[in-house]
Amino acid sequence: MLFKFQEVSDVVENRCQALGSSSTEVQKAMVKKKDNKALFILHQYVDDVHFEKIQNATTAKEARGHFGSKS
């Protein structure tokens, strides 16, 4: 719910299907900004034990992967 409110759920779930070569620099920058925002939110809301698991993740989807599949 929080990711949808912050408009970053698409990045966390799909990584925006990796933009193609026809994507503009502006589009790529927007995806990177959303990804960083989602990763920041994940870092804020996990406890210390889970933070240790995701602290080296470079994308939100990678960090989310440490929590298992969707329920």
N, C-alpha and C. Protein backbone atom coordinates (compact mmCIF):
# COMPACT_ATOMS: atom_id res chain seq x y z
N MET A 1 0.83 -1.18 0.00
CA MET A 1 0.00 0.00 0.00
C MET A 1 0.88 1.25 0.00
N LEU A 2 1.90 1.26 0.82
CA LEU A 2 2.78 2.42 0.88
C LEU A 2 3.46 2.69 -0.45
N PHE A 3 3.89 1.63 -1.13
CA PHE A 3 4.55 1.81 -2.41
C PHE A 3 3.60 2.38 -3.46
N LYS A 4 2.33 1.96 -3.41
CA LYS A 4 1.36 2.51 -4.35
C LYS A 4 1.10 3.98 -4.05
N PHE A 5 1.00 4.32 -2.77
CA PHE A 5 0.79 5.72 -2.38
C PHE A 5 1.96 6.58 -2.83
N GLN A 6 3.17 6.08 -2.72
CA GLN A 6 4.36 6.82 -3.11
C GLN A 6 4.65 6.71 -4.62
N GLU A 7 3.79 5.97 -5.33
CA GLU A 7 3.89 5.79 -6.78
C GLU A 7 5.20 5.12 -7.21
N VAL A 8 5.63 4.13 -6.45
CA VAL A 8 6.85 3.39 -6.79
C VAL A 8 6.63 1.88 -6.84
N SER A 9 5.38 1.43 -6.74
CA SER A 9 5.13 -0.01 -6.72
C SER A 9 5.57 -0.69 -8.01
N ASP A 10 5.44 0.01 -9.16
CA ASP A 10 5.86 -0.59 -10.42
C ASP A 10 7.36 -0.89 -10.44
N VAL A 11 8.15 -0.06 -9.81
CA VAL A 11 9.60 -0.26 -9.77
C VAL A 11 9.93 -1.44 -8.86
N VAL A 12 9.28 -1.53 -7.72
CA VAL A 12 9.57 -2.61 -6.76
C VAL A 12 9.16 -3.96 -7.33
N GLU A 13 8.03 -4.00 -8.01
CA GLU A 13 7.52 -5.28 -8.50
C GLU A 13 8.12 -5.69 -9.84
N ASN A 14 8.35 -4.76 -10.74
CA ASN A 14 8.74 -5.12 -12.10
C ASN A 14 10.04 -4.51 -12.58
N ARG A 15 10.58 -3.57 -11.85
CA ARG A 15 11.76 -2.83 -12.29
C ARG A 15 11.46 -2.16 -13.63
N CYS A 16 10.19 -1.80 -13.83
CA CYS A 16 9.72 -1.10 -15.03
C CYS A 16 10.11 -1.81 -16.31
N GLN A 17 10.23 -3.11 -16.28
CA GLN A 17 10.53 -3.92 -17.45
C GLN A 17 11.74 -3.40 -18.22
N ALA A 18 12.73 -2.90 -17.53
CA ALA A 18 13.98 -2.41 -18.12
C ALA A 18 13.74 -1.63 -19.42
N LEU A 19 13.90 -0.36 -19.34
CA LEU A 19 13.65 0.51 -20.48
C LEU A 19 14.52 0.12 -21.67
N GLY A 20 13.94 0.21 -22.84
CA GLY A 20 14.65 -0.17 -24.06
C GLY A 20 15.58 0.92 -24.56
N SER A 21 16.24 0.65 -25.66
CA SER A 21 17.21 1.59 -26.22
C SER A 21 16.55 2.85 -26.75
N SER A 22 15.25 2.79 -27.02
CA SER A 22 14.56 3.97 -27.53
C SER A 22 14.13 4.92 -26.41
N SER A 23 14.38 4.55 -25.17
CA SER A 23 14.01 5.40 -24.04
C SER A 23 14.91 6.63 -23.98
N THR A 24 14.31 7.73 -23.59
CA THR A 24 15.08 8.96 -23.48
C THR A 24 15.83 9.00 -22.16
N GLU A 25 16.79 9.87 -22.06
CA GLU A 25 17.54 10.04 -20.82
C GLU A 25 16.62 10.49 -19.69
N VAL A 26 15.61 11.28 -20.02
CA VAL A 26 14.65 11.74 -19.02
C VAL A 26 13.87 10.56 -18.46
N GLN A 27 13.43 9.65 -19.32
CA GLN A 27 12.70 8.46 -18.87
C GLN A 27 13.58 7.59 -17.99
N LYS A 28 14.82 7.41 -18.39
CA LYS A 28 15.74 6.60 -17.60
C LYS A 28 16.00 7.24 -16.24
N ALA A 29 16.13 8.56 -16.22
CA ALA A 29 16.35 9.27 -14.96
C ALA A 29 15.14 9.14 -14.05
N MET A 30 13.93 9.18 -14.61
CA MET A 30 12.71 9.04 -13.79
C MET A 30 12.63 7.66 -13.16
N VAL A 31 12.99 6.63 -13.93
CA VAL A 31 12.97 5.26 -13.40
C VAL A 31 13.99 5.13 -12.28
N LYS A 32 15.18 5.68 -12.48
CA LYS A 32 16.23 5.61 -11.46
C LYS A 32 15.80 6.35 -10.20
N LYS A 33 15.15 7.50 -10.37
CA LYS A 33 14.68 8.27 -9.22
C LYS A 33 13.62 7.49 -8.43
N LYS A 34 12.68 6.86 -9.14
CA LYS A 34 11.65 6.06 -8.47
C LYS A 34 12.27 4.86 -7.76
N ASP A 35 13.26 4.24 -8.39
CA ASP A 35 13.93 3.09 -7.79
C ASP A 35 14.65 3.50 -6.50
N ASN A 36 15.34 4.61 -6.55
CA ASN A 36 16.03 5.10 -5.35
C ASN A 36 15.06 5.44 -4.24
N LYS A 37 13.92 6.02 -4.60
CA LYS A 37 12.90 6.35 -3.61
C LYS A 37 12.35 5.08 -2.95
N ALA A 38 12.07 4.07 -3.76
CA ALA A 38 11.55 2.81 -3.23
C ALA A 38 12.57 2.13 -2.33
N LEU A 39 13.83 2.14 -2.72
CA LEU A 39 14.88 1.54 -1.91
C LEU A 39 15.03 2.28 -0.58
N PHE A 40 14.92 3.59 -0.62
CA PHE A 40 14.96 4.40 0.59
C PHE A 40 13.82 4.04 1.53
N ILE A 41 12.63 3.87 0.99
CA ILE A 41 11.46 3.50 1.80
C ILE A 41 11.69 2.14 2.45
N LEU A 42 12.21 1.19 1.68
CA LEU A 42 12.50 -0.13 2.25
C LEU A 42 13.50 -0.02 3.39
N HIS A 43 14.55 0.75 3.19
CA HIS A 43 15.55 0.93 4.25
C HIS A 43 14.94 1.54 5.50
N GLN A 44 14.01 2.45 5.34
CA GLN A 44 13.40 3.12 6.49
C GLN A 44 12.51 2.19 7.31
N TYR A 45 11.81 1.28 6.65
CA TYR A 45 10.75 0.56 7.34
C TYR A 45 11.08 -0.86 7.76
N VAL A 46 12.31 -1.31 7.59
CA VAL A 46 12.65 -2.65 8.05
C VAL A 46 13.41 -2.59 9.38
N ASP A 47 13.32 -3.68 10.12
CA ASP A 47 14.05 -3.74 11.38
C ASP A 47 15.53 -4.03 11.11
N ASP A 48 16.32 -4.03 12.16
CA ASP A 48 17.77 -4.19 12.01
C ASP A 48 18.17 -5.52 11.36
N VAL A 49 17.47 -6.59 11.71
CA VAL A 49 17.80 -7.90 11.16
C VAL A 49 17.58 -7.91 9.65
N HIS A 50 16.45 -7.37 9.21
CA HIS A 50 16.17 -7.35 7.78
C HIS A 50 17.02 -6.32 7.05
N PHE A 51 17.36 -5.24 7.72
CA PHE A 51 18.20 -4.23 7.08
C PHE A 51 19.55 -4.82 6.69
N GLU A 52 20.09 -5.66 7.57
CA GLU A 52 21.37 -6.30 7.27
C GLU A 52 21.30 -7.12 5.98
N LYS A 53 20.13 -7.68 5.69
CA LYS A 53 19.97 -8.50 4.49
C LYS A 53 19.88 -7.64 3.22
N ILE A 54 19.36 -6.42 3.34
CA ILE A 54 19.13 -5.61 2.14
C ILE A 54 20.08 -4.43 2.01
N GLN A 55 20.96 -4.22 2.95
CA GLN A 55 21.79 -3.02 2.94
C GLN A 55 22.67 -2.88 1.71
N ASN A 56 23.04 -3.96 1.07
CA ASN A 56 23.91 -3.90 -0.10
C ASN A 56 23.16 -3.99 -1.42
N ALA A 57 21.83 -4.04 -1.36
CA ALA A 57 21.03 -4.09 -2.58
C ALA A 57 21.18 -2.78 -3.35
N THR A 58 21.24 -2.88 -4.65
CA THR A 58 21.39 -1.67 -5.47
C THR A 58 20.09 -1.25 -6.13
N THR A 59 19.08 -2.12 -6.10
CA THR A 59 17.76 -1.76 -6.63
C THR A 59 16.69 -2.18 -5.62
N ALA A 60 15.54 -1.56 -5.73
CA ALA A 60 14.43 -1.89 -4.84
C ALA A 60 13.96 -3.32 -5.07
N LYS A 61 13.94 -3.74 -6.32
CA LYS A 61 13.50 -5.11 -6.61
C LYS A 61 14.47 -6.12 -6.00
N GLU A 62 15.75 -5.85 -6.06
CA GLU A 62 16.75 -6.73 -5.45
C GLU A 62 16.53 -6.80 -3.94
N ALA A 63 16.29 -5.67 -3.30
CA ALA A 63 16.05 -5.65 -1.85
C ALA A 63 14.77 -6.41 -1.51
N ARG A 64 13.73 -6.22 -2.30
CA ARG A 64 12.47 -6.89 -2.06
C ARG A 64 12.62 -8.40 -2.20
N GLY A 65 13.52 -8.84 -3.04
CA GLY A 65 13.76 -10.25 -3.25
C GLY A 65 14.20 -10.99 -2.01
N HIS A 66 14.77 -10.27 -1.06
CA HIS A 66 15.20 -10.88 0.19
C HIS A 66 14.05 -11.23 1.12
N PHE A 67 12.86 -10.78 0.79
CA PHE A 67 11.70 -11.03 1.64
C PHE A 67 10.82 -12.14 1.12
N GLY A 68 11.22 -12.83 0.08
CA GLY A 68 10.44 -13.93 -0.46
C GLY A 68 9.40 -13.46 -1.46
N SER A 69 8.52 -14.37 -1.83
CA SER A 69 7.51 -14.05 -2.85
C SER A 69 6.36 -13.27 -2.26
N LYS A 70 5.58 -12.67 -3.18
CA LYS A 70 4.40 -11.91 -2.77
C LYS A 70 3.39 -12.84 -2.12
N SER A 71 2.66 -12.30 -1.12
CA SER A 71 1.58 -13.09 -0.53
C SER A 71 0.26 -12.51 -0.94
